[in-house]
């Protein structure tokens, strides 16, 4: 875990929380009230509010309490890694505050778990020769480069996904769109009022998926070993990677949640 993580208070401004994320390169912040954990605020939480008719910025200042996720899932420092992986996989969340005696003492993320797994020979997945084709999510929704960014973002929110493959007319993968890509393209809320005066809503509506997506993402074959997929997720610092056939046509995606689910299943196997 990361010890003594950066936190915010329930009454802090949303713009302040996002600025901390930008400065520190973070995606999640535990939210405290009187020193006790009460929620988690993520880039995704802020993005969801930002896309709902600009309602997030109608009042100033807006508090972290208005957008945070509650209650916050948490874990004790003495619990096993499989417990953390299992909670993240089931809840489809990217981090867990580590709480002891009511105090947040650390934060463990999906990337922390994957990095630990990559460095250690134990534990192993349930089947050593597991391939990503066995783990990937099939029958995916996908966006096209010319789709409106707000429409793609709305699809992501409605489906509860952080990643959307981008394909051409032949269903070949040309990009990946993440919630972070959308948040970056929509803009910094610290400048929201000035941007509004300059016609930001019109600018946002004009944005296309191609303006925000990561082009030519690293794609994997269904036969790619799980260990290689873990290495790619870590090296590329993506939350998900597309799975394609021999003609680069989309078959599915494999995300850190899929990998955590496989690892958790492996940890549950008797030794």
C-alpha atoms as a PDB file:
ATOM      1  CA  UNK A   1       0.000   0.000   0.000  1.00  0.00           C
ATOM      2  CA  UNK A   2       0.916   3.661  -0.286  1.00  0.00           C
ATOM      3  CA  UNK A   3       1.302   4.940   3.258  1.00  0.00           C
ATOM      4  CA  UNK A   4      -0.110   8.234   4.516  1.00  0.00           C
ATOM      5  CA  UNK A   5      -2.077   8.960   1.323  1.00  0.00           C
ATOM      6  CA  UNK A   6      -3.180  12.429   0.287  1.00  0.00           C
ATOM      7  CA  UNK A   7      -6.712  13.104   1.524  1.00  0.00           C
ATOM      8  CA  UNK A   8      -9.349  15.818   1.255  1.00  0.00           C
ATOM      9  CA  UNK A   9     -12.082  17.020   3.581  1.00  0.00           C
ATOM     10  CA  UNK A  10     -15.816  16.802   2.894  1.00  0.00           C
ATOM     11  CA  UNK A  11     -16.105  20.606   2.785  1.00  0.00           C
ATOM     12  CA  UNK A  12     -13.181  21.161   0.388  1.00  0.00           C
ATOM     13  CA  UNK A  13     -13.983  22.587  -3.053  1.00  0.00           C
ATOM     14  CA  UNK A  14     -14.290  20.101  -5.897  1.00  0.00           C
ATOM     15  CA  UNK A  15     -11.909  22.235  -7.965  1.00  0.00           C
ATOM     16  CA  UNK A  16      -9.316  22.000  -5.184  1.00  0.00           C
ATOM     17  CA  UNK A  17      -9.638  18.202  -5.098  1.00  0.00           C
ATOM     18  CA  UNK A  18      -9.165  17.956  -8.856  1.00  0.00           C
ATOM     19  CA  UNK A  19      -6.162  20.263  -8.758  1.00  0.00           C
ATOM     20  CA  UNK A  20      -4.553  17.981  -6.148  1.00  0.00           C
ATOM     21  CA  UNK A  21      -5.148  15.037  -8.474  1.00  0.00           C
ATOM     22  CA  UNK A  22      -3.554  16.905 -11.360  1.00  0.00           C
ATOM     23  CA  UNK A  23      -0.523  17.987  -9.336  1.00  0.00           C
ATOM     24  CA  UNK A  24       0.064  14.588  -7.742  1.00  0.00           C
ATOM     25  CA  UNK A  25      -0.933  12.368 -10.669  1.00  0.00           C
ATOM     26  CA  UNK A  26      -3.667  10.710  -8.590  1.00  0.00           C
ATOM     27  CA  UNK A  27      -7.040   9.274  -9.580  1.00  0.00           C
ATOM     28  CA  UNK A  28      -8.631   8.818  -6.152  1.00  0.00           C
ATOM     29  CA  UNK A  29      -8.652  10.721  -2.879  1.00  0.00           C
ATOM     30  CA  UNK A  30     -10.043   9.460   0.449  1.00  0.00           C
ATOM     31  CA  UNK A  31     -12.499  11.948   1.922  1.00  0.00           C
ATOM     32  CA  UNK A  32     -12.389  12.622   5.661  1.00  0.00           C
ATOM     33  CA  UNK A  33     -14.621  14.246   8.240  1.00  0.00           C
ATOM     34  CA  UNK A  34     -13.042  14.887  11.636  1.00  0.00           C
ATOM     35  CA  UNK A  35     -10.255  12.480  10.710  1.00  0.00           C
ATOM     36  CA  UNK A  36     -12.600   9.619   9.805  1.00  0.00           C
ATOM     37  CA  UNK A  37     -13.129   8.121   6.354  1.00  0.00           C
ATOM     38  CA  UNK A  38     -16.542   9.004   4.920  1.00  0.00           C
ATOM     39  CA  UNK A  39     -16.087   8.561   1.175  1.00  0.00           C
ATOM     40  CA  UNK A  40     -13.880   8.490  -1.912  1.00  0.00           C
ATOM     41  CA  UNK A  41     -13.740  11.102  -4.637  1.00  0.00           C
ATOM     42  CA  UNK A  42     -12.347  10.130  -8.022  1.00  0.00           C
ATOM     43  CA  UNK A  43     -11.798  11.737 -11.384  1.00  0.00           C
ATOM     44  CA  UNK A  44     -14.795   9.719 -12.531  1.00  0.00           C
ATOM     45  CA  UNK A  45     -17.017  11.264  -9.838  1.00  0.00           C
ATOM     46  CA  UNK A  46     -15.971  14.758 -10.897  1.00  0.00           C
ATOM     47  CA  UNK A  47     -16.416  13.955 -14.586  1.00  0.00           C
ATOM     48  CA  UNK A  48     -19.917  12.580 -14.017  1.00  0.00           C
ATOM     49  CA  UNK A  49     -20.976  15.831 -12.356  1.00  0.00           C
ATOM     50  CA  UNK A  50     -19.264  17.887 -15.054  1.00  0.00           C
ATOM     51  CA  UNK A  51     -21.226  16.229 -17.864  1.00  0.00           C
ATOM     52  CA  UNK A  52     -24.663  16.532 -16.276  1.00  0.00           C
ATOM     53  CA  UNK A  53     -25.698  19.792 -17.867  1.00  0.00           C
ATOM     54  CA  UNK A  54     -22.837  21.665 -16.250  1.00  0.00           C
ATOM     55  CA  UNK A  55     -24.768  21.305 -12.970  1.00  0.00           C
ATOM     56  CA  UNK A  56     -21.579  20.739 -11.025  1.00  0.00           C
ATOM     57  CA  UNK A  57     -20.557  24.345 -11.548  1.00  0.00           C
ATOM     58  CA  UNK A  58     -23.874  26.109 -11.052  1.00  0.00           C
ATOM     59  CA  UNK A  59     -23.007  26.877  -7.453  1.00  0.00           C
ATOM     60  CA  UNK A  60     -19.713  28.180  -6.193  1.00  0.00           C
ATOM     61  CA  UNK A  61     -17.964  26.790  -4.307  1.00  0.00           C
ATOM     62  CA  UNK A  62     -19.087  23.185  -4.752  1.00  0.00           C
ATOM     63  CA  UNK A  63     -18.067  20.736  -2.029  1.00  0.00           C
ATOM     64  CA  UNK A  64     -16.382  17.367  -2.330  1.00  0.00           C
ATOM     65  CA  UNK A  65     -19.306  15.964  -0.310  1.00  0.00           C
ATOM     66  CA  UNK A  66     -21.593  16.711  -3.278  1.00  0.00           C
ATOM     67  CA  UNK A  67     -19.801  14.377  -5.684  1.00  0.00           C
ATOM     68  CA  UNK A  68     -17.966  11.763  -3.576  1.00  0.00           C
ATOM     69  CA  UNK A  69     -18.842   8.057  -3.578  1.00  0.00           C
ATOM     70  CA  UNK A  70     -20.319   6.817  -0.303  1.00  0.00           C
ATOM     71  CA  UNK A  71     -19.903   4.632   1.577  1.00  0.00           C
ATOM     72  CA  UNK A  72     -16.209   4.064   0.858  1.00  0.00           C
ATOM     73  CA  UNK A  73     -15.092   0.450   0.594  1.00  0.00           C
ATOM     74  CA  UNK A  74     -12.116  -0.111   2.879  1.00  0.00           C
ATOM     75  CA  UNK A  75      -9.745  -2.803   4.051  1.00  0.00           C
ATOM     76  CA  UNK A  76      -7.657  -3.512   7.156  1.00  0.00           C
ATOM     77  CA  UNK A  77      -3.847  -3.674   6.817  1.00  0.00           C
ATOM     78  CA  UNK A  78      -3.803  -7.263   8.106  1.00  0.00           C
ATOM     79  CA  UNK A  79      -6.236  -8.569   5.507  1.00  0.00           C
ATOM     80  CA  UNK A  80      -4.894 -10.729   2.701  1.00  0.00           C
ATOM     81  CA  UNK A  81      -4.168  -9.506  -0.808  1.00  0.00           C
ATOM     82  CA  UNK A  82      -6.871 -11.772  -2.197  1.00  0.00           C
ATOM     83  CA  UNK A  83      -9.409  -9.897  -0.083  1.00  0.00           C
ATOM     84  CA  UNK A  84      -8.376  -6.605  -1.658  1.00  0.00           C
ATOM     85  CA  UNK A  85      -8.350  -8.083  -5.168  1.00  0.00           C
ATOM     86  CA  UNK A  86     -11.740  -9.686  -4.618  1.00  0.00           C
ATOM     87  CA  UNK A  87     -13.376  -6.470  -3.398  1.00  0.00           C
ATOM     88  CA  UNK A  88     -11.934  -4.446  -6.274  1.00  0.00           C
ATOM     89  CA  UNK A  89     -13.011  -7.035  -8.833  1.00  0.00           C
ATOM     90  CA  UNK A  90     -16.551  -7.422  -7.492  1.00  0.00           C
ATOM     91  CA  UNK A  91     -17.131  -3.710  -6.891  1.00  0.00           C
ATOM     92  CA  UNK A  92     -15.247  -2.671 -10.049  1.00  0.00           C
ATOM     93  CA  UNK A  93     -13.273  -0.058  -8.171  1.00  0.00           C
ATOM     94  CA  UNK A  94      -9.669   1.033  -8.591  1.00  0.00           C
ATOM     95  CA  UNK A  95      -8.577   1.567  -5.005  1.00  0.00           C
ATOM     96  CA  UNK A  96      -9.194   0.724  -1.353  1.00  0.00           C
ATOM     97  CA  UNK A  97      -8.351   2.928   1.625  1.00  0.00           C
ATOM     98  CA  UNK A  98      -6.510   0.986   4.306  1.00  0.00           C
ATOM     99  CA  UNK A  99      -8.074   1.774   7.678  1.00  0.00           C
ATOM    100  CA  UNK A 100      -6.848   0.867  11.145  1.00  0.00           C
ATOM    101  CA  UNK A 101      -8.494   2.000  14.389  1.00  0.00           C
ATOM    102  CA  UNK A 102     -10.675   4.331  12.369  1.00  0.00           C
ATOM    103  CA  UNK A 103      -7.733   6.120  10.750  1.00  0.00           C
ATOM    104  CA  UNK A 104      -6.733   6.032   7.080  1.00  0.00           C
ATOM    105  CA  UNK A 105      -3.131   4.805   7.103  1.00  0.00           C
ATOM    106  CA  UNK A 106      -2.739   3.855   3.460  1.00  0.00           C
ATOM    107  CA  UNK A 107      -4.248   3.346   0.025  1.00  0.00           C
ATOM    108  CA  UNK A 108      -3.918   0.276  -2.164  1.00  0.00           C
ATOM    109  CA  UNK A 109      -4.757   0.509  -5.861  1.00  0.00           C
ATOM    110  CA  UNK A 110      -5.288  -2.025  -8.597  1.00  0.00           C
ATOM    111  CA  UNK A 111      -1.961  -0.990 -10.083  1.00  0.00           C
ATOM    112  CA  UNK A 112      -0.254  -1.654  -6.731  1.00  0.00           C
ATOM    113  CA  UNK A 113      -1.660  -5.189  -6.717  1.00  0.00           C
ATOM    114  CA  UNK A 114      -0.697  -5.839 -10.329  1.00  0.00           C
ATOM    115  CA  UNK A 115       2.814  -4.496  -9.759  1.00  0.00           C
ATOM    116  CA  UNK A 116       3.232  -6.693  -6.689  1.00  0.00           C
ATOM    117  CA  UNK A 117       2.040  -9.712  -8.632  1.00  0.00           C
ATOM    118  CA  UNK A 118       4.432  -8.982 -11.492  1.00  0.00           C
ATOM    119  CA  UNK A 119       7.382  -8.823  -9.085  1.00  0.00           C
ATOM    120  CA  UNK A 120       6.566 -11.933  -7.057  1.00  0.00           C
ATOM    121  CA  UNK A 121       6.309 -15.555  -8.193  1.00  0.00           C
ATOM    122  CA  UNK A 122       3.480 -16.161  -5.711  1.00  0.00           C
ATOM    123  CA  UNK A 123       0.549 -16.083  -5.949  1.00  0.00           C
ATOM    124  CA  UNK A 124      -0.201 -17.349  -9.445  1.00  0.00           C
ATOM    125  CA  UNK A 125      -3.476 -17.330 -11.364  1.00  0.00           C
ATOM    126  CA  UNK A 126      -5.635 -20.435 -11.139  1.00  0.00           C
ATOM    127  CA  UNK A 127      -4.194 -21.729 -14.420  1.00  0.00           C
ATOM    128  CA  UNK A 128      -0.553 -20.840 -15.227  1.00  0.00           C
ATOM    129  CA  UNK A 129      -1.319 -20.791 -18.956  1.00  0.00           C
ATOM    130  CA  UNK A 130      -4.343 -18.502 -18.700  1.00  0.00           C
ATOM    131  CA  UNK A 131      -4.817 -16.437 -21.870  1.00  0.00           C
ATOM    132  CA  UNK A 132      -6.438 -13.028 -22.086  1.00  0.00           C
ATOM    133  CA  UNK A 133      -9.092 -14.398 -24.432  1.00  0.00           C
ATOM    134  CA  UNK A 134     -10.464 -16.315 -21.443  1.00  0.00           C
ATOM    135  CA  UNK A 135     -10.739 -13.156 -19.354  1.00  0.00           C
ATOM    136  CA  UNK A 136     -11.744 -10.461 -21.797  1.00  0.00           C
ATOM    137  CA  UNK A 137     -15.123  -8.765 -21.857  1.00  0.00           C
ATOM    138  CA  UNK A 138     -16.903  -9.579 -25.125  1.00  0.00           C
ATOM    139  CA  UNK A 139     -19.778  -7.968 -27.063  1.00  0.00           C
ATOM    140  CA  UNK A 140     -18.499  -4.515 -26.302  1.00  0.00           C
ATOM    141  CA  UNK A 141     -19.959  -1.192 -27.114  1.00  0.00           C
ATOM    142  CA  UNK A 142     -17.551   0.881 -29.166  1.00  0.00           C
ATOM    143  CA  UNK A 143     -17.273   4.454 -30.342  1.00  0.00           C
ATOM    144  CA  UNK A 144     -16.226   5.874 -33.697  1.00  0.00           C
ATOM    145  CA  UNK A 145     -13.729   8.708 -34.124  1.00  0.00           C
ATOM    146  CA  UNK A 146     -16.421  11.091 -35.440  1.00  0.00           C
ATOM    147  CA  UNK A 147     -18.895  10.446 -32.610  1.00  0.00           C
ATOM    148  CA  UNK A 148     -19.571  13.369 -30.293  1.00  0.00           C
ATOM    149  CA  UNK A 149     -17.409  13.122 -27.209  1.00  0.00           C
ATOM    150  CA  UNK A 150     -20.330  13.910 -24.893  1.00  0.00           C
ATOM    151  CA  UNK A 151     -22.302  11.007 -26.357  1.00  0.00           C
ATOM    152  CA  UNK A 152     -19.426   8.582 -25.860  1.00  0.00           C
ATOM    153  CA  UNK A 153     -18.940   9.863 -22.308  1.00  0.00           C
ATOM    154  CA  UNK A 154     -22.637   9.394 -21.574  1.00  0.00           C
ATOM    155  CA  UNK A 155     -22.413   5.804 -22.826  1.00  0.00           C
ATOM    156  CA  UNK A 156     -19.461   5.170 -20.519  1.00  0.00           C
ATOM    157  CA  UNK A 157     -21.357   6.554 -17.539  1.00  0.00           C
ATOM    158  CA  UNK A 158     -24.539   4.613 -18.306  1.00  0.00           C
ATOM    159  CA  UNK A 159     -22.660   1.346 -18.782  1.00  0.00           C
ATOM    160  CA  UNK A 160     -20.417   1.879 -15.764  1.00  0.00           C
ATOM    161  CA  UNK A 161     -17.213   1.484 -17.761  1.00  0.00           C
ATOM    162  CA  UNK A 162     -14.033   3.530 -17.675  1.00  0.00           C
ATOM    163  CA  UNK A 163     -12.834   2.548 -21.157  1.00  0.00           C
ATOM    164  CA  UNK A 164     -14.410   2.530 -24.588  1.00  0.00           C
ATOM    165  CA  UNK A 165     -12.720   1.083 -27.678  1.00  0.00           C
ATOM    166  CA  UNK A 166     -12.742   3.289 -30.764  1.00  0.00           C
ATOM    167  CA  UNK A 167     -13.155   1.519 -34.111  1.00  0.00           C
ATOM    168  CA  UNK A 168     -13.343   2.424 -37.773  1.00  0.00           C
ATOM    169  CA  UNK A 169     -16.071   1.356 -40.203  1.00  0.00           C
ATOM    170  CA  UNK A 170     -14.481  -2.119 -40.499  1.00  0.00           C
ATOM    171  CA  UNK A 171     -14.483  -2.589 -36.696  1.00  0.00           C
ATOM    172  CA  UNK A 172     -10.693  -2.223 -36.561  1.00  0.00           C
ATOM    173  CA  UNK A 173      -9.370  -0.656 -33.377  1.00  0.00           C
ATOM    174  CA  UNK A 174      -7.996   2.842 -33.947  1.00  0.00           C
ATOM    175  CA  UNK A 175      -8.051   4.162 -30.400  1.00  0.00           C
ATOM    176  CA  UNK A 176      -9.123   3.833 -26.765  1.00  0.00           C
ATOM    177  CA  UNK A 177     -11.155   6.388 -24.849  1.00  0.00           C
ATOM    178  CA  UNK A 178     -10.875   6.524 -21.060  1.00  0.00           C
ATOM    179  CA  UNK A 179     -12.694   8.580 -18.455  1.00  0.00           C
ATOM    180  CA  UNK A 180      -9.427  10.426 -17.895  1.00  0.00           C
ATOM    181  CA  UNK A 181      -9.240  11.278 -21.618  1.00  0.00           C
ATOM    182  CA  UNK A 182     -12.745  12.717 -21.425  1.00  0.00           C
ATOM    183  CA  UNK A 183     -12.004  14.700 -18.278  1.00  0.00           C
ATOM    184  CA  UNK A 184      -8.865  16.155 -19.846  1.00  0.00           C
ATOM    185  CA  UNK A 185     -10.730  17.188 -22.991  1.00  0.00           C
ATOM    186  CA  UNK A 186     -13.700  18.686 -21.152  1.00  0.00           C
ATOM    187  CA  UNK A 187     -11.395  21.020 -19.294  1.00  0.00           C
ATOM    188  CA  UNK A 188     -10.155  22.128 -15.925  1.00  0.00           C
ATOM    189  CA  UNK A 189     -12.974  23.172 -13.586  1.00  0.00           C
ATOM    190  CA  UNK A 190     -10.733  25.845 -12.081  1.00  0.00           C
ATOM    191  CA  UNK A 191     -11.296  27.721 -15.328  1.00  0.00           C
ATOM    192  CA  UNK A 192     -14.967  26.783 -15.678  1.00  0.00           C
ATOM    193  CA  UNK A 193     -16.448  30.236 -15.168  1.00  0.00           C
ATOM    194  CA  UNK A 194     -14.079  31.928 -17.623  1.00  0.00           C
ATOM    195  CA  UNK A 195     -14.630  29.145 -20.144  1.00  0.00           C
ATOM    196  CA  UNK A 196     -18.387  29.463 -19.782  1.00  0.00           C
ATOM    197  CA  UNK A 197     -18.173  33.138 -20.699  1.00  0.00           C
ATOM    198  CA  UNK A 198     -16.212  32.163 -23.795  1.00  0.00           C
ATOM    199  CA  UNK A 199     -18.847  29.676 -24.917  1.00  0.00           C
ATOM    200  CA  UNK A 200     -17.511  26.479 -23.381  1.00  0.00           C
ATOM    201  CA  UNK A 201     -20.748  24.476 -23.715  1.00  0.00           C
ATOM    202  CA  UNK A 202     -20.646  24.978 -27.482  1.00  0.00           C
ATOM    203  CA  UNK A 203     -16.961  24.013 -27.545  1.00  0.00           C
ATOM    204  CA  UNK A 204     -17.611  20.863 -25.528  1.00  0.00           C
ATOM    205  CA  UNK A 205     -20.478  19.822 -27.784  1.00  0.00           C
ATOM    206  CA  UNK A 206     -18.227  20.263 -30.811  1.00  0.00           C
ATOM    207  CA  UNK A 207     -15.592  17.856 -29.494  1.00  0.00           C
ATOM    208  CA  UNK A 208     -15.328  14.470 -31.202  1.00  0.00           C
ATOM    209  CA  UNK A 209     -14.006  11.190 -29.857  1.00  0.00           C
ATOM    210  CA  UNK A 210     -10.937  11.601 -32.072  1.00  0.00           C
ATOM    211  CA  UNK A 211     -10.088  14.805 -30.184  1.00  0.00           C
ATOM    212  CA  UNK A 212      -9.698  12.970 -26.873  1.00  0.00           C
ATOM    213  CA  UNK A 213      -8.906   9.293 -27.541  1.00  0.00           C
ATOM    214  CA  UNK A 214      -5.512   7.634 -27.250  1.00  0.00           C
ATOM    215  CA  UNK A 215      -4.708   6.674 -30.862  1.00  0.00           C
ATOM    216  CA  UNK A 216      -3.202   3.348 -31.941  1.00  0.00           C
ATOM    217  CA  UNK A 217      -3.368   1.699 -28.514  1.00  0.00           C
ATOM    218  CA  UNK A 218      -1.348  -1.374 -27.664  1.00  0.00           C
ATOM    219  CA  UNK A 219      -3.577  -4.291 -28.669  1.00  0.00           C
ATOM    220  CA  UNK A 220      -3.341  -7.910 -27.584  1.00  0.00           C
ATOM    221  CA  UNK A 221      -4.213 -11.209 -29.210  1.00  0.00           C
ATOM    222  CA  UNK A 222      -6.649 -13.544 -27.439  1.00  0.00           C
ATOM    223  CA  UNK A 223      -3.709 -15.934 -27.059  1.00  0.00           C
ATOM    224  CA  UNK A 224      -1.609 -13.433 -25.110  1.00  0.00           C
ATOM    225  CA  UNK A 225      -0.575 -14.966 -21.733  1.00  0.00           C
ATOM    226  CA  UNK A 226      -2.018 -13.335 -18.633  1.00  0.00           C
ATOM    227  CA  UNK A 227       1.473 -12.468 -17.354  1.00  0.00           C
ATOM    228  CA  UNK A 228       2.168 -10.496 -20.536  1.00  0.00           C
ATOM    229  CA  UNK A 229      -1.138  -8.652 -20.197  1.00  0.00           C
ATOM    230  CA  UNK A 230      -0.204  -7.645 -16.636  1.00  0.00           C
ATOM    231  CA  UNK A 231       3.132  -6.322 -17.880  1.00  0.00           C
ATOM    232  CA  UNK A 232       1.404  -4.320 -20.634  1.00  0.00           C
ATOM    233  CA  UNK A 233      -1.107  -2.782 -18.241  1.00  0.00           C
ATOM    234  CA  UNK A 234       1.739  -1.695 -16.002  1.00  0.00           C
ATOM    235  CA  UNK A 235       4.132  -0.531 -18.721  1.00  0.00           C
ATOM    236  CA  UNK A 236       1.510   1.318 -20.749  1.00  0.00           C
ATOM    237  CA  UNK A 237      -0.219   2.672 -17.609  1.00  0.00           C
ATOM    238  CA  UNK A 238      -3.624   1.947 -19.137  1.00  0.00           C
ATOM    239  CA  UNK A 239      -6.599   0.587 -17.254  1.00  0.00           C
ATOM    240  CA  UNK A 240      -7.665  -1.601 -20.175  1.00  0.00           C
ATOM    241  CA  UNK A 241      -6.304  -2.922 -23.459  1.00  0.00           C
ATOM    242  CA  UNK A 242      -8.196  -3.982 -26.598  1.00  0.00           C
ATOM    243  CA  UNK A 243      -8.172  -7.598 -27.770  1.00  0.00           C
ATOM    244  CA  UNK A 244      -8.152  -7.978 -31.549  1.00  0.00           C
ATOM    245  CA  UNK A 245      -8.099 -10.691 -34.200  1.00  0.00           C
ATOM    246  CA  UNK A 246      -5.460 -11.086 -36.900  1.00  0.00           C
ATOM    247  CA  UNK A 247      -7.037  -8.255 -38.907  1.00  0.00           C
ATOM    248  CA  UNK A 248      -7.073  -5.844 -35.924  1.00  0.00           C
ATOM    249  CA  UNK A 249     -10.853  -6.158 -35.568  1.00  0.00           C
ATOM    250  CA  UNK A 250     -12.201  -5.700 -32.071  1.00  0.00           C
ATOM    251  CA  UNK A 251     -12.996  -8.840 -30.098  1.00  0.00           C
ATOM    252  CA  UNK A 252     -13.093  -7.423 -26.568  1.00  0.00           C
ATOM    253  CA  UNK A 253     -11.068  -5.671 -23.918  1.00  0.00           C
ATOM    254  CA  UNK A 254      -9.177  -6.874 -20.888  1.00  0.00           C
ATOM    255  CA  UNK A 255      -9.048  -4.522 -17.921  1.00  0.00           C
ATOM    256  CA  UNK A 256      -7.319  -4.483 -14.567  1.00  0.00           C
ATOM    257  CA  UNK A 257     -10.650  -5.638 -13.101  1.00  0.00           C
ATOM    258  CA  UNK A 258     -10.562  -8.767 -15.290  1.00  0.00           C
ATOM    259  CA  UNK A 259      -6.978  -9.444 -14.230  1.00  0.00           C
ATOM    260  CA  UNK A 260      -7.761  -8.893 -10.551  1.00  0.00           C
ATOM    261  CA  UNK A 261     -10.668 -11.314 -10.820  1.00  0.00           C
ATOM    262  CA  UNK A 262      -8.357 -13.975 -12.277  1.00  0.00           C
ATOM    263  CA  UNK A 263      -5.697 -13.346  -9.665  1.00  0.00           C
ATOM    264  CA  UNK A 264      -8.241 -13.483  -6.852  1.00  0.00           C
ATOM    265  CA  UNK A 265      -9.458 -16.844  -8.179  1.00  0.00           C
ATOM    266  CA  UNK A 266      -5.868 -18.073  -8.171  1.00  0.00           C
ATOM    267  CA  UNK A 267      -5.289 -16.919  -4.612  1.00  0.00           C
ATOM    268  CA  UNK A 268      -8.352 -18.881  -3.522  1.00  0.00           C
ATOM    269  CA  UNK A 269      -6.899 -22.163  -4.823  1.00  0.00           C
ATOM    270  CA  UNK A 270      -5.630 -24.570  -2.144  1.00  0.00           C
ATOM    271  CA  UNK A 271      -1.853 -24.833  -1.871  1.00  0.00           C
END
